[in-house]
């Protein structure tokens, strides 16, 4: 049994320009989703996403 493959994705600190990664569309899909789909096709099973200096949501 082969161990699951994990990708660690480091996202730039929060800023107005980060919207490009998650909200803009290229051929109908965001760049972040395109990255995830490409990694899945390469056999990556798990994803860990880190982002420094993320503003906290009101709780």
PDB file of N, CA and C in Angstrom:
ATOM      1  N   UNK A   1       0.851  -1.181   0.000  1.00  0.00           N
ATOM      2  CA  UNK A   1       0.000   0.000   0.000  1.00  0.00           C
ATOM      3  C   UNK A   1       0.893   1.239   0.000  1.00  0.00           C
ATOM      4  N   UNK A   2       0.664   2.114  -0.950  1.00  0.00           N
ATOM      5  CA  UNK A   2       1.452   3.346  -0.996  1.00  0.00           C
ATOM      6  C   UNK A   2       0.819   4.388  -0.082  1.00  0.00           C
ATOM      7  N   UNK A   3       1.636   5.154   0.617  1.00  0.00           N
ATOM      8  CA  UNK A   3       1.083   6.184   1.505  1.00  0.00           C
ATOM      9  C   UNK A   3       0.421   7.294   0.689  1.00  0.00           C
ATOM     10  N   UNK A   4      -0.568   7.975   1.275  1.00  0.00           N
ATOM     11  CA  UNK A   4      -1.214   9.069   0.553  1.00  0.00           C
ATOM     12  C   UNK A   4      -0.223  10.199   0.299  1.00  0.00           C
ATOM     13  N   UNK A   5      -0.375  10.848  -0.817  1.00  0.00           N
ATOM     14  CA  UNK A   5       0.491  11.969  -1.167  1.00  0.00           C
ATOM     15  C   UNK A   5      -0.180  13.259  -0.718  1.00  0.00           C
ATOM     16  N   UNK A   6       0.602  14.144  -0.117  1.00  0.00           N
ATOM     17  CA  UNK A   6       0.076  15.396   0.412  1.00  0.00           C
ATOM     18  C   UNK A   6       0.828  16.567  -0.190  1.00  0.00           C
ATOM     19  N   UNK A   7       0.085  17.597  -0.592  1.00  0.00           N
ATOM     20  CA  UNK A   7       0.683  18.839  -1.088  1.00  0.00           C
ATOM     21  C   UNK A   7       0.430  19.927  -0.058  1.00  0.00           C
ATOM     22  N   UNK A   8       1.460  20.689   0.248  1.00  0.00           N
ATOM     23  CA  UNK A   8       1.327  21.842   1.133  1.00  0.00           C
ATOM     24  C   UNK A   8       1.376  23.079   0.256  1.00  0.00           C
ATOM     25  N   UNK A   9       0.309  23.875   0.318  1.00  0.00           N
ATOM     26  CA  UNK A   9       0.177  25.073  -0.515  1.00  0.00           C
ATOM     27  C   UNK A   9       0.268  26.285   0.393  1.00  0.00           C
ATOM     28  N   UNK A  10       1.239  27.137   0.129  1.00  0.00           N
ATOM     29  CA  UNK A  10       1.408  28.366   0.915  1.00  0.00           C
ATOM     30  C   UNK A  10       0.861  29.531   0.099  1.00  0.00           C
ATOM     31  N   UNK A  11      -0.153  30.187   0.651  1.00  0.00           N
ATOM     32  CA  UNK A  11      -0.796  31.316  -0.013  1.00  0.00           C
ATOM     33  C   UNK A  11      -0.205  32.597   0.557  1.00  0.00           C
ATOM     34  N   UNK A  12      -0.031  33.596  -0.286  1.00  0.00           N
ATOM     35  CA  UNK A  12       0.528  34.881   0.148  1.00  0.00           C
ATOM     36  C   UNK A  12      -0.322  35.476   1.271  1.00  0.00           C
ATOM     37  N   UNK A  13       0.276  36.321   2.121  1.00  0.00           N
ATOM     38  CA  UNK A  13      -0.500  36.979   3.168  1.00  0.00           C
ATOM     39  C   UNK A  13      -1.684  37.733   2.580  1.00  0.00           C
ATOM     40  N   UNK A  14      -2.710  37.884   3.393  1.00  0.00           N
ATOM     41  CA  UNK A  14      -3.950  38.523   2.937  1.00  0.00           C
ATOM     42  C   UNK A  14      -3.688  39.930   2.412  1.00  0.00           C
ATOM     43  N   UNK A  15      -4.245  40.207   1.256  1.00  0.00           N
ATOM     44  CA  UNK A  15      -4.204  41.551   0.672  1.00  0.00           C
ATOM     45  C   UNK A  15      -5.287  41.613  -0.389  1.00  0.00           C
ATOM     46  N   UNK A  16      -5.506  42.781  -0.924  1.00  0.00           N
ATOM     47  CA  UNK A  16      -6.524  42.940  -1.969  1.00  0.00           C
ATOM     48  C   UNK A  16      -6.177  42.096  -3.198  1.00  0.00           C
ATOM     49  N   UNK A  17      -4.900  41.925  -3.486  1.00  0.00           N
ATOM     50  CA  UNK A  17      -4.502  41.182  -4.684  1.00  0.00           C
ATOM     51  C   UNK A  17      -4.738  39.677  -4.559  1.00  0.00           C
ATOM     52  N   UNK A  18      -4.999  39.180  -3.362  1.00  0.00           N
ATOM     53  CA  UNK A  18      -5.243  37.750  -3.183  1.00  0.00           C
ATOM     54  C   UNK A  18      -6.561  37.334  -3.839  1.00  0.00           C
ATOM     55  N   UNK A  19      -7.430  38.305  -4.106  1.00  0.00           N
ATOM     56  CA  UNK A  19      -8.706  38.004  -4.758  1.00  0.00           C
ATOM     57  C   UNK A  19      -8.486  37.338  -6.111  1.00  0.00           C
ATOM     58  N   UNK A  20      -7.394  37.668  -6.789  1.00  0.00           N
ATOM     59  CA  UNK A  20      -7.103  37.045  -8.086  1.00  0.00           C
ATOM     60  C   UNK A  20      -7.069  35.532  -7.972  1.00  0.00           C
ATOM     61  N   UNK A  21      -6.445  35.036  -6.930  1.00  0.00           N
ATOM     62  CA  UNK A  21      -6.265  33.595  -6.770  1.00  0.00           C
ATOM     63  C   UNK A  21      -7.583  32.858  -6.577  1.00  0.00           C
ATOM     64  N   UNK A  22      -8.519  33.479  -5.857  1.00  0.00           N
ATOM     65  CA  UNK A  22      -9.746  32.777  -5.493  1.00  0.00           C
ATOM     66  C   UNK A  22     -10.987  33.231  -6.256  1.00  0.00           C
ATOM     67  N   UNK A  23     -11.033  34.484  -6.717  1.00  0.00           N
ATOM     68  CA  UNK A  23     -12.273  35.002  -7.287  1.00  0.00           C
ATOM     69  C   UNK A  23     -12.231  35.230  -8.789  1.00  0.00           C
ATOM     70  N   UNK A  24     -11.075  35.477  -9.355  1.00  0.00           N
ATOM     71  CA  UNK A  24     -11.022  35.708 -10.802  1.00  0.00           C
ATOM     72  C   UNK A  24     -11.225  34.378 -11.528  1.00  0.00           C
ATOM     73  N   UNK A  25     -11.682  34.467 -12.744  1.00  0.00           N
ATOM     74  CA  UNK A  25     -11.951  33.263 -13.529  1.00  0.00           C
ATOM     75  C   UNK A  25     -11.087  33.263 -14.784  1.00  0.00           C
ATOM     76  N   UNK A  26     -10.458  32.151 -15.041  1.00  0.00           N
ATOM     77  CA  UNK A  26      -9.718  31.928 -16.276  1.00  0.00           C
ATOM     78  C   UNK A  26     -10.336  30.682 -16.893  1.00  0.00           C
ATOM     79  N   UNK A  27     -10.952  30.840 -18.045  1.00  0.00           N
ATOM     80  CA  UNK A  27     -11.676  29.741 -18.699  1.00  0.00           C
ATOM     81  C   UNK A  27     -12.741  29.162 -17.769  1.00  0.00           C
ATOM     82  N   UNK A  28     -13.370  30.041 -16.970  1.00  0.00           N
ATOM     83  CA  UNK A  28     -14.482  29.631 -16.121  1.00  0.00           C
ATOM     84  C   UNK A  28     -14.118  29.039 -14.779  1.00  0.00           C
ATOM     85  N   UNK A  29     -12.840  29.034 -14.417  1.00  0.00           N
ATOM     86  CA  UNK A  29     -12.421  28.432 -13.151  1.00  0.00           C
ATOM     87  C   UNK A  29     -11.334  29.289 -12.513  1.00  0.00           C
ATOM     88  N   UNK A  30     -11.338  29.365 -11.181  1.00  0.00           N
ATOM     89  CA  UNK A  30     -10.338  30.184 -10.488  1.00  0.00           C
ATOM     90  C   UNK A  30      -8.960  29.521 -10.568  1.00  0.00           C
ATOM     91  N   UNK A  31      -7.895  30.327 -10.511  1.00  0.00           N
ATOM     92  CA  UNK A  31      -6.541  29.749 -10.540  1.00  0.00           C
ATOM     93  C   UNK A  31      -6.298  28.746  -9.404  1.00  0.00           C
ATOM     94  N   UNK A  32      -6.895  28.998  -8.232  1.00  0.00           N
ATOM     95  CA  UNK A  32      -6.705  28.081  -7.112  1.00  0.00           C
ATOM     96  C   UNK A  32      -7.332  26.716  -7.412  1.00  0.00           C
ATOM     97  N   UNK A  33      -8.550  26.717  -7.933  1.00  0.00           N
ATOM     98  CA  UNK A  33      -9.190  25.444  -8.287  1.00  0.00           C
ATOM     99  C   UNK A  33      -8.416  24.735  -9.392  1.00  0.00           C
ATOM    100  N   UNK A  34      -7.908  25.490 -10.335  1.00  0.00           N
ATOM    101  CA  UNK A  34      -7.117  24.895 -11.418  1.00  0.00           C
ATOM    102  C   UNK A  34      -5.875  24.205 -10.841  1.00  0.00           C
ATOM    103  N   UNK A  35      -5.241  24.836  -9.859  1.00  0.00           N
ATOM    104  CA  UNK A  35      -4.082  24.236  -9.197  1.00  0.00           C
ATOM    105  C   UNK A  35      -4.468  22.926  -8.515  1.00  0.00           C
ATOM    106  N   UNK A  36      -5.576  22.941  -7.776  1.00  0.00           N
ATOM    107  CA  UNK A  36      -6.027  21.737  -7.078  1.00  0.00           C
ATOM    108  C   UNK A  36      -6.324  20.610  -8.069  1.00  0.00           C
ATOM    109  N   UNK A  37      -7.038  20.927  -9.138  1.00  0.00           N
ATOM    110  CA  UNK A  37      -7.365  19.901 -10.136  1.00  0.00           C
ATOM    111  C   UNK A  37      -6.098  19.332 -10.782  1.00  0.00           C
ATOM    112  N   UNK A  38      -5.131  20.192 -11.057  1.00  0.00           N
ATOM    113  CA  UNK A  38      -3.871  19.723 -11.655  1.00  0.00           C
ATOM    114  C   UNK A  38      -3.116  18.802 -10.702  1.00  0.00           C
ATOM    115  N   UNK A  39      -3.098  19.162  -9.427  1.00  0.00           N
ATOM    116  CA  UNK A  39      -2.427  18.315  -8.438  1.00  0.00           C
ATOM    117  C   UNK A  39      -3.143  16.972  -8.284  1.00  0.00           C
ATOM    118  N   UNK A  40      -4.468  16.987  -8.340  1.00  0.00           N
ATOM    119  CA  UNK A  40      -5.216  15.733  -8.258  1.00  0.00           C
ATOM    120  C   UNK A  40      -4.896  14.825  -9.442  1.00  0.00           C
ATOM    121  N   UNK A  41      -4.799  15.400 -10.626  1.00  0.00           N
ATOM    122  CA  UNK A  41      -4.446  14.596 -11.807  1.00  0.00           C
ATOM    123  C   UNK A  41      -3.048  14.002 -11.670  1.00  0.00           C
ATOM    124  N   UNK A  42      -2.181  14.684 -10.910  1.00  0.00           N
ATOM    125  CA  UNK A  42      -0.821  14.191 -10.697  1.00  0.00           C
ATOM    126  C   UNK A  42      -0.756  13.148  -9.580  1.00  0.00           C
ATOM    127  N   UNK A  43      -1.896  12.839  -8.958  1.00  0.00           N
ATOM    128  CA  UNK A  43      -1.923  11.797  -7.939  1.00  0.00           C
ATOM    129  C   UNK A  43      -1.859  12.284  -6.510  1.00  0.00           C
ATOM    130  N   UNK A  44      -1.971  13.575  -6.294  1.00  0.00           N
ATOM    131  CA  UNK A  44      -1.956  14.111  -4.930  1.00  0.00           C
ATOM    132  C   UNK A  44      -3.333  13.881  -4.311  1.00  0.00           C
ATOM    133  N   UNK A  45      -3.354  13.312  -3.099  1.00  0.00           N
ATOM    134  CA  UNK A  45      -4.611  12.964  -2.440  1.00  0.00           C
ATOM    135  C   UNK A  45      -5.060  13.994  -1.407  1.00  0.00           C
ATOM    136  N   UNK A  46      -4.119  14.630  -0.728  1.00  0.00           N
ATOM    137  CA  UNK A  46      -4.434  15.528   0.387  1.00  0.00           C
ATOM    138  C   UNK A  46      -3.806  16.895   0.160  1.00  0.00           C
ATOM    139  N   UNK A  47      -4.474  17.918   0.692  1.00  0.00           N
ATOM    140  CA  UNK A  47      -3.991  19.289   0.540  1.00  0.00           C
ATOM    141  C   UNK A  47      -4.031  19.994   1.883  1.00  0.00           C
ATOM    142  N   UNK A  48      -2.954  20.703   2.187  1.00  0.00           N
ATOM    143  CA  UNK A  48      -2.891  21.563   3.365  1.00  0.00           C
ATOM    144  C   UNK A  48      -2.603  22.962   2.841  1.00  0.00           C
ATOM    145  N   UNK A  49      -3.466  23.922   3.203  1.00  0.00           N
ATOM    146  CA  UNK A  49      -3.315  25.292   2.717  1.00  0.00           C
ATOM    147  C   UNK A  49      -2.986  26.184   3.903  1.00  0.00           C
ATOM    148  N   UNK A  50      -1.868  26.919   3.804  1.00  0.00           N
ATOM    149  CA  UNK A  50      -1.449  27.859   4.835  1.00  0.00           C
ATOM    150  C   UNK A  50      -1.508  29.271   4.283  1.00  0.00           C
ATOM    151  N   UNK A  51      -1.952  30.211   5.128  1.00  0.00           N
ATOM    152  CA  UNK A  51      -1.923  31.623   4.765  1.00  0.00           C
ATOM    153  C   UNK A  51      -1.558  32.411   6.016  1.00  0.00           C
ATOM    154  N   UNK A  52      -0.481  33.173   5.932  1.00  0.00           N
ATOM    155  CA  UNK A  52      -0.044  33.982   7.062  1.00  0.00           C
ATOM    156  C   UNK A  52      -0.855  35.265   7.140  1.00  0.00           C
ATOM    157  N   UNK A  53      -0.986  35.794   8.348  1.00  0.00           N
ATOM    158  CA  UNK A  53      -1.630  37.086   8.608  1.00  0.00           C
ATOM    159  C   UNK A  53      -3.059  37.151   8.075  1.00  0.00           C
ATOM    160  N   UNK A  54      -3.816  36.093   8.276  1.00  0.00           N
ATOM    161  CA  UNK A  54      -5.212  36.078   7.855  1.00  0.00           C
ATOM    162  C   UNK A  54      -6.044  36.818   8.894  1.00  0.00           C
ATOM    163  N   UNK A  55      -6.892  37.775   8.472  1.00  0.00           N
ATOM    164  CA  UNK A  55      -7.725  38.476   9.453  1.00  0.00           C
ATOM    165  C   UNK A  55      -8.740  37.518  10.060  1.00  0.00           C
ATOM    166  N   UNK A  56      -8.986  37.683  11.341  1.00  0.00           N
ATOM    167  CA  UNK A  56      -9.945  36.821  12.021  1.00  0.00           C
ATOM    168  C   UNK A  56     -11.364  37.277  11.721  1.00  0.00           C
ATOM    169  N   UNK A  57     -12.247  36.315  11.583  1.00  0.00           N
ATOM    170  CA  UNK A  57     -13.664  36.614  11.384  1.00  0.00           C
ATOM    171  C   UNK A  57     -14.293  36.908  12.742  1.00  0.00           C
ATOM    172  N   UNK A  58     -15.311  37.737  12.753  1.00  0.00           N
ATOM    173  CA  UNK A  58     -16.034  38.007  13.998  1.00  0.00           C
ATOM    174  C   UNK A  58     -16.734  36.735  14.445  1.00  0.00           C
ATOM    175  N   UNK A  59     -16.584  36.424  15.726  1.00  0.00           N
ATOM    176  CA  UNK A  59     -17.180  35.184  16.228  1.00  0.00           C
ATOM    177  C   UNK A  59     -18.357  35.487  17.108  1.00  0.00           C
TER     178      UNK A  59
END
